[in-house]
Amino acid sequence: MIAMRGDILELDLLLQRIDNNREIINARRPLKPEEVRELDAYFKIGSTYASNALEGNSLTLEETKVLLEDGITVGGKPIRD
């Protein structure tokens, strides 16, 4: 039972952090168009990099960014990357 109480307390703390972060985010709304574009690019590049890394891709985060934004492939890397 004591472990259960600790789990409930940890959950309460996590939910409070979530509520606090939601308030911070909501205070910044609405986002400026520039901020929306930056967030979109950030998540597009980051999620593409992470997904490809899981598949064994050898491109770095920076190389992934250049490829996505400029369409330039990286010399010395396999074409499959």
PDB file of N, CA and C in Angstrom:
ATOM      1  N   MET A   1       0.814  -1.200   0.000  1.00  0.00           N
ATOM      2  CA  MET A   1       0.000   0.000   0.000  1.00  0.00           C
ATOM      3  C   MET A   1       0.862   1.270   0.000  1.00  0.00           C
ATOM      4  N   ILE A   2       1.982   1.230   0.682  1.00  0.00           N
ATOM      5  CA  ILE A   2       2.833   2.419   0.736  1.00  0.00           C
ATOM      6  C   ILE A   2       3.375   2.750  -0.647  1.00  0.00           C
ATOM      7  N   ALA A   3       3.782   1.732  -1.401  1.00  0.00           N
ATOM      8  CA  ALA A   3       4.274   1.966  -2.752  1.00  0.00           C
ATOM      9  C   ALA A   3       3.194   2.609  -3.598  1.00  0.00           C
ATOM     10  N   MET A   4       1.966   2.186  -3.393  1.00  0.00           N
ATOM     11  CA  MET A   4       0.855   2.751  -4.151  1.00  0.00           C
ATOM     12  C   MET A   4       0.690   4.230  -3.830  1.00  0.00           C
ATOM     13  N   ARG A   5       0.817   4.588  -2.575  1.00  0.00           N
ATOM     14  CA  ARG A   5       0.706   5.991  -2.175  1.00  0.00           C
ATOM     15  C   ARG A   5       1.797   6.825  -2.834  1.00  0.00           C
ATOM     16  N   GLY A   6       3.020   6.279  -2.881  1.00  0.00           N
ATOM     17  CA  GLY A   6       4.125   6.973  -3.534  1.00  0.00           C
ATOM     18  C   GLY A   6       3.871   7.168  -5.015  1.00  0.00           C
ATOM     19  N   ASP A   7       3.294   6.146  -5.660  1.00  0.00           N
ATOM     20  CA  ASP A   7       2.962   6.243  -7.079  1.00  0.00           C
ATOM     21  C   ASP A   7       1.924   7.326  -7.322  1.00  0.00           C
ATOM     22  N   ILE A   8       0.955   7.407  -6.420  1.00  0.00           N
ATOM     23  CA  ILE A   8      -0.095   8.433  -6.557  1.00  0.00           C
ATOM     24  C   ILE A   8       0.505   9.815  -6.388  1.00  0.00           C
ATOM     25  N   LEU A   9       1.419   9.973  -5.441  1.00  0.00           N
ATOM     26  CA  LEU A   9       2.070  11.265  -5.239  1.00  0.00           C
ATOM     27  C   LEU A   9       2.902  11.652  -6.453  1.00  0.00           C
ATOM     28  N   GLU A  10       3.618  10.682  -7.019  1.00  0.00           N
ATOM     29  CA  GLU A  10       4.411  10.963  -8.223  1.00  0.00           C
ATOM     30  C   GLU A  10       3.511  11.369  -9.381  1.00  0.00           C
ATOM     31  N   LEU A  11       2.381  10.696  -9.526  1.00  0.00           N
ATOM     32  CA  LEU A  11       1.427  11.029 -10.576  1.00  0.00           C
ATOM     33  C   LEU A  11       0.870  12.428 -10.366  1.00  0.00           C
ATOM     34  N   ASP A  12       0.537  12.766  -9.127  1.00  0.00           N
ATOM     35  CA  ASP A  12       0.033  14.112  -8.832  1.00  0.00           C
ATOM     36  C   ASP A  12       1.059  15.178  -9.197  1.00  0.00           C
ATOM     37  N   LEU A  13       2.328  14.919  -8.870  1.00  0.00           N
ATOM     38  CA  LEU A  13       3.387  15.875  -9.215  1.00  0.00           C
ATOM     39  C   LEU A  13       3.537  16.009 -10.727  1.00  0.00           C
ATOM     40  N   LEU A  14       3.467  14.898 -11.433  1.00  0.00           N
ATOM     41  CA  LEU A  14       3.563  14.922 -12.896  1.00  0.00           C
ATOM     42  C   LEU A  14       2.397  15.696 -13.496  1.00  0.00           C
ATOM     43  N   LEU A  15       1.197  15.453 -13.011  1.00  0.00           N
ATOM     44  CA  LEU A  15       0.024  16.178 -13.518  1.00  0.00           C
ATOM     45  C   LEU A  15       0.130  17.674 -13.226  1.00  0.00           C
ATOM     46  N   GLN A  16       0.688  18.035 -12.076  1.00  0.00           N
ATOM     47  CA  GLN A  16       0.877  19.454 -11.759  1.00  0.00           C
ATOM     48  C   GLN A  16       1.883  20.089 -12.710  1.00  0.00           C
ATOM     49  N   ARG A  17       2.960  19.373 -13.034  1.00  0.00           N
ATOM     50  CA  ARG A  17       3.938  19.883 -14.006  1.00  0.00           C
ATOM     51  C   ARG A  17       3.296  20.076 -15.368  1.00  0.00           C
ATOM     52  N   ILE A  18       2.456  19.121 -15.759  1.00  0.00           N
ATOM     53  CA  ILE A  18       1.764  19.234 -17.040  1.00  0.00           C
ATOM     54  C   ILE A  18       0.878  20.468 -17.052  1.00  0.00           C
ATOM     55  N   ASP A  19       0.118  20.675 -15.981  1.00  0.00           N
ATOM     56  CA  ASP A  19      -0.757  21.856 -15.891  1.00  0.00           C
ATOM     57  C   ASP A  19       0.052  23.147 -15.944  1.00  0.00           C
ATOM     58  N   ASN A  20       1.178  23.180 -15.240  1.00  0.00           N
ATOM     59  CA  ASN A  20       2.030  24.371 -15.248  1.00  0.00           C
ATOM     60  C   ASN A  20       2.571  24.653 -16.647  1.00  0.00           C
ATOM     61  N   ASN A  21       3.030  23.614 -17.326  1.00  0.00           N
ATOM     62  CA  ASN A  21       3.551  23.792 -18.683  1.00  0.00           C
ATOM     63  C   ASN A  21       2.455  24.229 -19.647  1.00  0.00           C
ATOM     64  N   ARG A  22       1.251  23.697 -19.468  1.00  0.00           N
ATOM     65  CA  ARG A  22       0.136  24.108 -20.321  1.00  0.00           C
ATOM     66  C   ARG A  22      -0.152  25.603 -20.139  1.00  0.00           C
ATOM     67  N   GLU A  23      -0.093  26.067 -18.909  1.00  0.00           N
ATOM     68  CA  GLU A  23      -0.319  27.495 -18.646  1.00  0.00           C
ATOM     69  C   GLU A  23       0.752  28.352 -19.325  1.00  0.00           C
ATOM     70  N   ILE A  24       1.991  27.904 -19.279  1.00  0.00           N
ATOM     71  CA  ILE A  24       3.084  28.648 -19.926  1.00  0.00           C
ATOM     72  C   ILE A  24       2.861  28.704 -21.434  1.00  0.00           C
ATOM     73  N   ILE A  25       2.501  27.571 -22.016  1.00  0.00           N
ATOM     74  CA  ILE A  25       2.245  27.519 -23.461  1.00  0.00           C
ATOM     75  C   ILE A  25       1.061  28.399 -23.832  1.00  0.00           C
ATOM     76  N   ASN A  26      -0.019  28.296 -23.084  1.00  0.00           N
ATOM     77  CA  ASN A  26      -1.213  29.084 -23.388  1.00  0.00           C
ATOM     78  C   ASN A  26      -0.969  30.584 -23.261  1.00  0.00           C
ATOM     79  N   ALA A  27      -0.062  30.980 -22.374  1.00  0.00           N
ATOM     80  CA  ALA A  27       0.259  32.405 -22.215  1.00  0.00           C
ATOM     81  C   ALA A  27       0.969  32.952 -23.455  1.00  0.00           C
ATOM     82  N   ARG A  28       1.585  32.076 -24.242  1.00  0.00           N
ATOM     83  CA  ARG A  28       2.305  32.503 -25.454  1.00  0.00           C
ATOM     84  C   ARG A  28       1.415  32.516 -26.691  1.00  0.00           C
ATOM     85  N   ARG A  29       0.192  32.052 -26.571  1.00  0.00           N
ATOM     86  CA  ARG A  29      -0.710  31.969 -27.726  1.00  0.00           C
ATOM     87  C   ARG A  29      -1.313  33.317 -28.021  1.00  0.00           C
ATOM     88  N   PRO A  30      -1.655  33.615 -29.238  1.00  0.00           N
ATOM     89  CA  PRO A  30      -1.349  32.822 -30.421  1.00  0.00           C
ATOM     90  C   PRO A  30       0.108  33.025 -30.835  1.00  0.00           C
ATOM     91  N   LEU A  31       0.655  31.989 -31.404  1.00  0.00           N
ATOM     92  CA  LEU A  31       2.034  32.073 -31.872  1.00  0.00           C
ATOM     93  C   LEU A  31       2.109  32.961 -33.110  1.00  0.00           C
ATOM     94  N   LYS A  32       3.229  33.629 -33.242  1.00  0.00           N
ATOM     95  CA  LYS A  32       3.482  34.425 -34.441  1.00  0.00           C
ATOM     96  C   LYS A  32       3.735  33.462 -35.607  1.00  0.00           C
ATOM     97  N   PRO A  33       3.408  33.873 -36.824  1.00  0.00           N
ATOM     98  CA  PRO A  33       3.655  32.991 -37.983  1.00  0.00           C
ATOM     99  C   PRO A  33       5.101  32.515 -38.069  1.00  0.00           C
ATOM    100  N   GLU A  34       6.042  33.380 -37.718  1.00  0.00           N
ATOM    101  CA  GLU A  34       7.458  32.994 -37.742  1.00  0.00           C
ATOM    102  C   GLU A  34       7.740  31.878 -36.739  1.00  0.00           C
ATOM    103  N   GLU A  35       7.135  31.957 -35.556  1.00  0.00           N
ATOM    104  CA  GLU A  35       7.317  30.920 -34.540  1.00  0.00           C
ATOM    105  C   GLU A  35       6.728  29.584 -34.998  1.00  0.00           C
ATOM    106  N   VAL A  36       5.588  29.643 -35.653  1.00  0.00           N
ATOM    107  CA  VAL A  36       4.965  28.427 -36.173  1.00  0.00           C
ATOM    108  C   VAL A  36       5.871  27.782 -37.216  1.00  0.00           C
ATOM    109  N   ARG A  37       6.438  28.578 -38.112  1.00  0.00           N
ATOM    110  CA  ARG A  37       7.350  28.051 -39.136  1.00  0.00           C
ATOM    111  C   ARG A  37       8.589  27.426 -38.497  1.00  0.00           C
ATOM    112  N   GLU A  38       9.135  28.088 -37.484  1.00  0.00           N
ATOM    113  CA  GLU A  38      10.330  27.567 -36.820  1.00  0.00           C
ATOM    114  C   GLU A  38      10.033  26.245 -36.110  1.00  0.00           C
ATOM    115  N   LEU A  39       8.897  26.168 -35.438  1.00  0.00           N
ATOM    116  CA  LEU A  39       8.520  24.929 -34.764  1.00  0.00           C
ATOM    117  C   LEU A  39       8.275  23.806 -35.763  1.00  0.00           C
ATOM    118  N   ASP A  40       7.625  24.141 -36.867  1.00  0.00           N
ATOM    119  CA  ASP A  40       7.366  23.142 -37.902  1.00  0.00           C
ATOM    120  C   ASP A  40       8.671  22.581 -38.442  1.00  0.00           C
ATOM    121  N   ALA A  41       9.606  23.455 -38.743  1.00  0.00           N
ATOM    122  CA  ALA A  41      10.907  23.013 -39.272  1.00  0.00           C
ATOM    123  C   ALA A  41      11.659  22.196 -38.224  1.00  0.00           C
ATOM    124  N   TYR A  42      11.627  22.647 -36.992  1.00  0.00           N
ATOM    125  CA  TYR A  42      12.320  21.953 -35.903  1.00  0.00           C
ATOM    126  C   TYR A  42      11.826  20.513 -35.779  1.00  0.00           C
ATOM    127  N   PHE A  43      10.514  20.335 -35.758  1.00  0.00           N
ATOM    128  CA  PHE A  43       9.958  18.997 -35.588  1.00  0.00           C
ATOM    129  C   PHE A  43      10.073  18.156 -36.853  1.00  0.00           C
ATOM    130  N   LYS A  44       9.990  18.781 -38.001  1.00  0.00           N
ATOM    131  CA  LYS A  44      10.149  18.043 -39.253  1.00  0.00           C
ATOM    132  C   LYS A  44      11.555  17.458 -39.342  1.00  0.00           C
ATOM    133  N   ILE A  45      12.540  18.279 -39.077  1.00  0.00           N
ATOM    134  CA  ILE A  45      13.930  17.835 -39.159  1.00  0.00           C
ATOM    135  C   ILE A  45      14.228  16.826 -38.051  1.00  0.00           C
ATOM    136  N   GLY A  46      13.828  17.140 -36.835  1.00  0.00           N
ATOM    137  CA  GLY A  46      14.114  16.257 -35.703  1.00  0.00           C
ATOM    138  C   GLY A  46      13.462  14.901 -35.822  1.00  0.00           C
ATOM    139  N   SER A  47      12.205  14.876 -36.225  1.00  0.00           N
ATOM    140  CA  SER A  47      11.525  13.584 -36.330  1.00  0.00           C
ATOM    141  C   SER A  47      12.048  12.779 -37.518  1.00  0.00           C
ATOM    142  N   THR A  48      12.401  13.453 -38.606  1.00  0.00           N
ATOM    143  CA  THR A  48      12.982  12.748 -39.751  1.00  0.00           C
ATOM    144  C   THR A  48      14.332  12.147 -39.368  1.00  0.00           C
ATOM    145  N   TYR A  49      15.149  12.930 -38.701  1.00  0.00           N
ATOM    146  CA  TYR A  49      16.462  12.443 -38.264  1.00  0.00           C
ATOM    147  C   TYR A  49      16.310  11.233 -37.343  1.00  0.00           C
ATOM    148  N   ALA A  50      15.448  11.352 -36.325  1.00  0.00           N
ATOM    149  CA  ALA A  50      15.281  10.272 -35.347  1.00  0.00           C
ATOM    150  C   ALA A  50      14.746   9.009 -36.009  1.00  0.00           C
ATOM    151  N   SER A  51      13.776   9.177 -36.886  1.00  0.00           N
ATOM    152  CA  SER A  51      13.203   8.024 -37.574  1.00  0.00           C
ATOM    153  C   SER A  51      14.241   7.333 -38.446  1.00  0.00           C
ATOM    154  N   ASN A  52      15.004   8.119 -39.187  1.00  0.00           N
ATOM    155  CA  ASN A  52      16.037   7.552 -40.052  1.00  0.00           C
ATOM    156  C   ASN A  52      17.158   6.900 -39.246  1.00  0.00           C
ATOM    157  N   ALA A  53      17.500   7.490 -38.110  1.00  0.00           N
ATOM    158  CA  ALA A  53      18.552   6.921 -37.262  1.00  0.00           C
ATOM    159  C   ALA A  53      18.127   5.543 -36.759  1.00  0.00           C
ATOM    160  N   LEU A  54      16.861   5.384 -36.438  1.00  0.00           N
ATOM    161  CA  LEU A  54      16.365   4.080 -36.002  1.00  0.00           C
ATOM    162  C   LEU A  54      16.506   3.035 -37.099  1.00  0.00           C
ATOM    163  N   GLU A  55      16.440   3.491 -38.331  1.00  0.00           N
ATOM    164  CA  GLU A  55      16.550   2.586 -39.475  1.00  0.00           C
ATOM    165  C   GLU A  55      18.008   2.318 -39.868  1.00  0.00           C
ATOM    166  N   GLY A  56      18.957   2.921 -39.151  1.00  0.00           N
ATOM    167  CA  GLY A  56      20.369   2.690 -39.434  1.00  0.00           C
ATOM    168  C   GLY A  56      21.002   3.739 -40.331  1.00  0.00           C
ATOM    169  N   ASN A  57      20.301   4.825 -40.593  1.00  0.00           N
ATOM    170  CA  ASN A  57      20.824   5.896 -41.427  1.00  0.00           C
ATOM    171  C   ASN A  57      22.017   6.542 -40.738  1.00  0.00           C
ATOM    172  N   SER A  58      23.057   6.889 -41.483  1.00  0.00           N
ATOM    173  CA  SER A  58      24.274   7.447 -40.887  1.00  0.00           C
ATOM    174  C   SER A  58      24.356   8.971 -40.965  1.00  0.00           C
ATOM    175  N   LEU A  59      23.326   9.630 -41.479  1.00  0.00           N
ATOM    176  CA  LEU A  59      23.359  11.091 -41.555  1.00  0.00           C
ATOM    177  C   LEU A  59      23.270  11.707 -40.164  1.00  0.00           C
ATOM    178  N   THR A  60      24.004  12.804 -39.970  1.00  0.00           N
ATOM    179  CA  THR A  60      23.909  13.545 -38.720  1.00  0.00           C
ATOM    180  C   THR A  60      22.664  14.430 -38.761  1.00  0.00           C
ATOM    181  N   LEU A  61      22.339  15.027 -37.644  1.00  0.00           N
ATOM    182  CA  LEU A  61      21.206  15.946 -37.597  1.00  0.00           C
ATOM    183  C   LEU A  61      21.417  17.112 -38.565  1.00  0.00           C
ATOM    184  N   GLU A  62      22.631  17.645 -38.596  1.00  0.00           N
ATOM    185  CA  GLU A  62      22.936  18.766 -39.484  1.00  0.00           C
ATOM    186  C   GLU A  62      22.827  18.360 -40.957  1.00  0.00           C
ATOM    187  N   GLU A  63      23.303  17.157 -41.280  1.00  0.00           N
ATOM    188  CA  GLU A  63      23.212  16.669 -42.660  1.00  0.00           C
ATOM    189  C   GLU A  63      21.760  16.456 -43.069  1.00  0.00           C
ATOM    190  N   THR A  64      20.953  15.964 -42.144  1.00  0.00           N
ATOM    191  CA  THR A  64      19.524  15.793 -42.413  1.00  0.00           C
ATOM    192  C   THR A  64      18.876  17.141 -42.683  1.00  0.00           C
ATOM    193  N   LYS A  65      19.255  18.147 -41.902  1.00  0.00           N
ATOM    194  CA  LYS A  65      18.714  19.498 -42.078  1.00  0.00           C
ATOM    195  C   LYS A  65      19.048  20.042 -43.462  1.00  0.00           C
ATOM    196  N   VAL A  66      20.294  19.913 -43.881  1.00  0.00           N
ATOM    197  CA  VAL A  66      20.723  20.402 -45.189  1.00  0.00           C
ATOM    198  C   VAL A  66      19.979  19.669 -46.301  1.00  0.00           C
ATOM    199  N   LEU A  67      19.842  18.377 -46.152  1.00  0.00           N
ATOM    200  CA  LEU A  67      19.144  17.582 -47.161  1.00  0.00           C
ATOM    201  C   LEU A  67      17.679  18.019 -47.288  1.00  0.00           C
ATOM    202  N   LEU A  68      17.004  18.189 -46.158  1.00  0.00           N
ATOM    203  CA  LEU A  68      15.594  18.563 -46.201  1.00  0.00           C
ATOM    204  C   LEU A  68      15.369  20.001 -46.659  1.00  0.00           C
ATOM    205  N   GLU A  69      16.212  20.913 -46.195  1.00  0.00           N
ATOM    206  CA  GLU A  69      15.999  22.327 -46.503  1.00  0.00           C
ATOM    207  C   GLU A  69      16.536  22.726 -47.871  1.00  0.00           C
ATOM    208  N   ASP A  70      17.672  22.153 -48.253  1.00  0.00           N
ATOM    209  CA  ASP A  70      18.330  22.589 -49.486  1.00  0.00           C
ATOM    210  C   ASP A  70      18.321  21.530 -50.588  1.00  0.00           C
ATOM    211  N   GLY A  71      17.959  20.306 -50.233  1.00  0.00           N
ATOM    212  CA  GLY A  71      17.946  19.231 -51.220  1.00  0.00           C
ATOM    213  C   GLY A  71      19.328  18.786 -51.648  1.00  0.00           C
ATOM    214  N   ILE A  72      20.330  19.111 -50.842  1.00  0.00           N
ATOM    215  CA  ILE A  72      21.711  18.764 -51.175  1.00  0.00           C
ATOM    216  C   ILE A  72      22.075  17.469 -50.470  1.00  0.00           C
ATOM    217  N   THR A  73      22.564  16.498 -51.232  1.00  0.00           N
ATOM    218  CA  THR A  73      22.997  15.243 -50.628  1.00  0.00           C
ATOM    219  C   THR A  73      24.417  15.396 -50.081  1.00  0.00           C
ATOM    220  N   VAL A  74      24.773  14.510 -49.201  1.00  0.00           N
ATOM    221  CA  VAL A  74      26.051  14.604 -48.525  1.00  0.00           C
ATOM    222  C   VAL A  74      27.055  13.668 -49.191  1.00  0.00           C
ATOM    223  N   GLY A  75      28.202  14.234 -49.573  1.00  0.00           N
ATOM    224  CA  GLY A  75      29.251  13.431 -50.198  1.00  0.00           C
ATOM    225  C   GLY A  75      29.793  12.379 -49.272  1.00  0.00           C
ATOM    226  N   GLY A  76      30.093  11.225 -49.808  1.00  0.00           N
ATOM    227  CA  GLY A  76      30.672  10.153 -49.018  1.00  0.00           C
ATOM    228  C   GLY A  76      29.667   9.325 -48.258  1.00  0.00           C
ATOM    229  N   LYS A  77      28.393   9.683 -48.353  1.00  0.00           N
ATOM    230  CA  LYS A  77      27.350   8.900 -47.672  1.00  0.00           C
ATOM    231  C   LYS A  77      26.652   8.023 -48.691  1.00  0.00           C
ATOM    232  N   PRO A  78      26.217   6.836 -48.264  1.00  0.00           N
ATOM    233  CA  PRO A  78      25.491   5.970 -49.200  1.00  0.00           C
ATOM    234  C   PRO A  78      24.211   6.656 -49.685  1.00  0.00           C
ATOM    235  N   ILE A  79      23.846   6.413 -50.925  1.00  0.00           N
ATOM    236  CA  ILE A  79      22.659   7.048 -51.509  1.00  0.00           C
ATOM    237  C   ILE A  79      21.403   6.638 -50.747  1.00  0.00           C
ATOM    238  N   ARG A  80      21.395   5.449 -50.142  1.00  0.00           N
ATOM    239  CA  ARG A  80      20.211   5.014 -49.413  1.00  0.00           C
ATOM    240  C   ARG A  80      19.940   5.896 -48.201  1.00  0.00           C
ATOM    241  N   ASP A  81      20.998   6.520 -47.649  1.00  0.00           N
ATOM    242  CA  ASP A  81      20.807   7.426 -46.512  1.00  0.00           C
ATOM    243  C   ASP A  81      20.021   8.638 -46.955  1.00  0.00           C
TER     244      ASP A  81
END
